[in-house]
Amino acid sequence: MEKRSVLILKAEITWWLLTATIVFGVLYPISSSLDNYPFFQVNVIFIIVFITLTRYVFLLKHSFFAHFNFLKIILGIVSVPLIFYLIEHIIDFQIFLDEVGLESFMKYKSLSWRTSMASYIRSEMLLFGVASVIIAIIFPFRMMLSVWRQYNKGTV
């Protein structure tokens, strides 16, 4: 393996470890306090999509697929259904908030704890959900720009 490939591999592993640490840090207060949080998996997806796509939008030339146009085109196309998937789950969460409420699975906790935890869950879920949708919308355009640059200018 050449030196650049090794560095890119180390950076990729480091970013995935950082992403896992952030997922753990954000979701630990929820998972340690609530047994039956119904949006845990979706929340993990929101955080991973946001961090990973943001990284690829801003640091594409340091990624393993920087010079693979076919892969960039495929990822740009795949991001379109991803956008709809993310929006669907934000809507599901919003409907759950409106119809059932977050307090429904926190019945045996104090009122102040329920209020603060519900505020935390709502805030972080909407933050990462909306941020992941926004970056998923930007992502295919960044991939197209990169393909165009590589084809016309020889850069990423």
Protein backbone atom coordinates (compact mmCIF):
# COMPACT_ATOMS: atom_id res chain seq x y z
CA MET A 1 0.00 0.00 0.00
CA GLU A 2 1.30 3.42 -0.82
CA LYS A 3 1.71 6.05 1.87
CA ARG A 4 -1.31 8.13 0.79
CA SER A 5 -3.60 5.09 0.88
CA VAL A 6 -2.43 4.22 4.39
CA LEU A 7 -3.07 7.79 5.56
CA ILE A 8 -6.54 7.80 4.00
CA LEU A 9 -7.33 4.46 5.66
CA LYS A 10 -6.14 5.77 9.05
CA ALA A 11 -8.20 8.94 8.61
CA GLU A 12 -11.28 6.92 7.66
CA ILE A 13 -10.92 4.67 10.72
CA THR A 14 -10.36 7.72 12.93
CA TRP A 15 -13.48 9.41 11.56
CA TRP A 16 -15.60 6.29 12.13
CA LEU A 17 -14.30 6.03 15.71
CA LEU A 18 -15.09 9.72 16.25
CA THR A 19 -18.57 9.18 14.79
CA ALA A 20 -19.16 6.22 17.11
CA THR A 21 -18.00 8.30 20.07
CA ILE A 22 -20.38 11.12 19.17
CA VAL A 23 -23.27 8.67 18.71
CA PHE A 24 -22.51 7.17 22.11
CA GLY A 25 -22.16 10.58 23.75
CA VAL A 26 -25.38 11.96 22.33
CA LEU A 27 -27.50 8.87 22.93
CA TYR A 28 -26.07 7.72 26.26
CA PRO A 29 -28.39 9.93 28.36
CA ILE A 30 -31.36 8.46 26.53
CA SER A 31 -30.28 4.82 26.45
CA SER A 32 -29.17 4.80 30.08
CA SER A 33 -32.45 6.27 31.31
CA LEU A 34 -35.10 4.80 29.03
CA ASP A 35 -35.61 1.14 28.21
CA ASN A 36 -38.09 1.43 25.38
CA TYR A 37 -37.09 4.49 23.36
CA PRO A 38 -38.73 3.79 19.96
CA PHE A 39 -36.52 6.10 17.88
CA PHE A 40 -33.09 4.87 18.95
CA GLN A 41 -32.15 3.24 15.63
CA VAL A 42 -33.39 6.19 13.57
CA ASN A 43 -31.51 8.56 15.84
CA VAL A 44 -28.28 6.63 15.25
CA ILE A 45 -28.89 6.79 11.49
CA PHE A 46 -29.48 10.57 11.64
CA ILE A 47 -26.20 11.16 13.48
CA ILE A 48 -24.14 8.84 11.27
CA VAL A 49 -25.58 10.28 8.04
CA PHE A 50 -25.01 13.85 9.20
CA ILE A 51 -21.39 13.35 10.27
CA THR A 52 -20.39 11.10 7.38
CA LEU A 53 -21.96 13.12 4.57
CA THR A 54 -20.70 16.39 6.06
CA ARG A 55 -17.23 14.91 6.12
CA TYR A 56 -17.48 13.81 2.50
CA VAL A 57 -18.85 17.18 1.37
CA PHE A 58 -16.03 19.17 2.95
CA LEU A 59 -13.16 16.65 2.92
CA LEU A 60 -13.86 14.72 -0.27
CA LYS A 61 -10.31 14.96 -1.59
CA HIS A 62 -9.13 13.14 1.55
CA SER A 63 -11.58 10.25 1.14
CA PHE A 64 -10.95 6.82 -0.34
CA PHE A 65 -13.31 7.43 -3.29
CA ALA A 66 -12.03 10.88 -4.27
CA HIS A 67 -10.85 9.70 -7.69
CA PHE A 68 -13.54 7.10 -8.43
CA ASN A 69 -16.11 8.93 -10.55
CA PHE A 70 -18.38 5.92 -10.95
CA LEU A 71 -18.66 5.51 -7.17
CA LYS A 72 -19.36 9.24 -6.73
CA ILE A 73 -22.15 9.06 -9.31
CA ILE A 74 -23.65 6.00 -7.58
CA LEU A 75 -23.46 7.69 -4.16
CA GLY A 76 -25.07 10.83 -5.56
CA ILE A 77 -27.95 8.79 -6.99
CA VAL A 78 -28.37 6.73 -3.80
CA SER A 79 -28.61 9.89 -1.72
CA VAL A 80 -31.95 10.80 -3.35
CA PRO A 81 -33.90 7.90 -1.77
CA LEU A 82 -31.91 8.51 1.41
CA ILE A 83 -33.37 12.03 1.56
CA PHE A 84 -36.91 10.65 1.41
CA TYR A 85 -36.09 8.00 4.04
CA LEU A 86 -34.75 10.66 6.42
CA ILE A 87 -37.71 12.98 5.84
CA GLU A 88 -40.14 10.12 6.42
CA HIS A 89 -38.60 9.39 9.82
CA ILE A 90 -38.59 13.06 10.83
CA ILE A 91 -42.31 13.13 10.01
CA ASP A 92 -42.87 9.91 11.98
CA PHE A 93 -41.12 11.46 14.98
CA GLN A 94 -43.14 14.66 14.67
CA ILE A 95 -46.40 12.69 14.46
CA PHE A 96 -45.36 10.72 17.54
CA LEU A 97 -44.68 13.99 19.38
CA ASP A 98 -48.07 15.40 18.39
CA GLU A 99 -50.22 12.34 18.97
CA VAL A 100 -48.55 10.40 21.78
CA GLY A 101 -45.84 12.57 23.29
CA LEU A 102 -42.43 11.71 24.65
CA GLU A 103 -43.73 11.44 28.20
CA SER A 104 -45.61 8.27 27.26
CA PHE A 105 -42.55 6.10 27.88
CA MET A 106 -41.26 8.11 30.86
CA LYS A 107 -44.23 7.60 33.19
CA TYR A 108 -42.33 6.58 36.31
CA LYS A 109 -39.90 9.49 36.45
CA SER A 110 -40.26 12.88 38.12
CA LEU A 111 -41.95 15.71 36.26
CA SER A 112 -38.83 17.87 36.07
CA TRP A 113 -36.77 14.94 34.76
CA ARG A 114 -39.42 14.10 32.15
CA THR A 115 -39.57 17.71 30.99
CA SER A 116 -35.82 18.07 30.64
CA MET A 117 -35.37 14.66 28.98
CA ALA A 118 -38.25 15.30 26.56
CA SER A 119 -36.68 18.64 25.64
CA TYR A 120 -33.28 16.97 25.12
CA ILE A 121 -34.70 14.17 22.98
CA ARG A 122 -36.78 16.53 20.86
CA SER A 123 -33.91 18.97 20.36
CA GLU A 124 -31.22 16.47 19.43
CA MET A 125 -33.52 14.36 17.27
CA LEU A 126 -34.67 17.36 15.25
CA LEU A 127 -31.14 18.82 15.11
CA PHE A 128 -29.58 15.69 13.65
CA GLY A 129 -32.66 14.80 11.59
CA VAL A 130 -32.92 18.16 9.84
CA ALA A 131 -29.14 18.48 9.53
CA SER A 132 -28.91 15.04 7.92
CA VAL A 133 -31.64 15.96 5.42
CA ILE A 134 -29.91 19.24 4.53
CA ILE A 135 -26.52 17.61 4.03
CA ALA A 136 -28.11 14.73 2.08
CA ILE A 137 -29.60 17.33 -0.29
CA ILE A 138 -26.21 19.04 -0.71
CA PHE A 139 -24.28 15.76 -1.12
CA PRO A 140 -25.30 14.79 -4.70
CA PHE A 141 -24.44 18.28 -5.94
CA ARG A 142 -21.01 18.00 -4.34
CA MET A 143 -20.53 14.64 -6.03
CA MET A 144 -21.53 16.12 -9.41
CA LEU A 145 -19.15 19.04 -8.88
CA SER A 146 -16.34 16.64 -8.05
CA VAL A 147 -17.00 14.49 -11.12
CA TRP A 148 -17.07 17.62 -13.30
CA ARG A 149 -13.84 18.93 -11.78
CA GLN A 150 -12.07 15.63 -12.21
CA TYR A 151 -13.24 15.27 -15.79
CA ASN A 152 -12.47 18.86 -16.86
CA LYS A 153 -9.66 20.01 -14.57
CA GLY A 154 -8.13 16.84 -13.19
CA THR A 155 -8.85 17.84 -9.56
CA VAL A 156 -11.37 16.65 -6.99
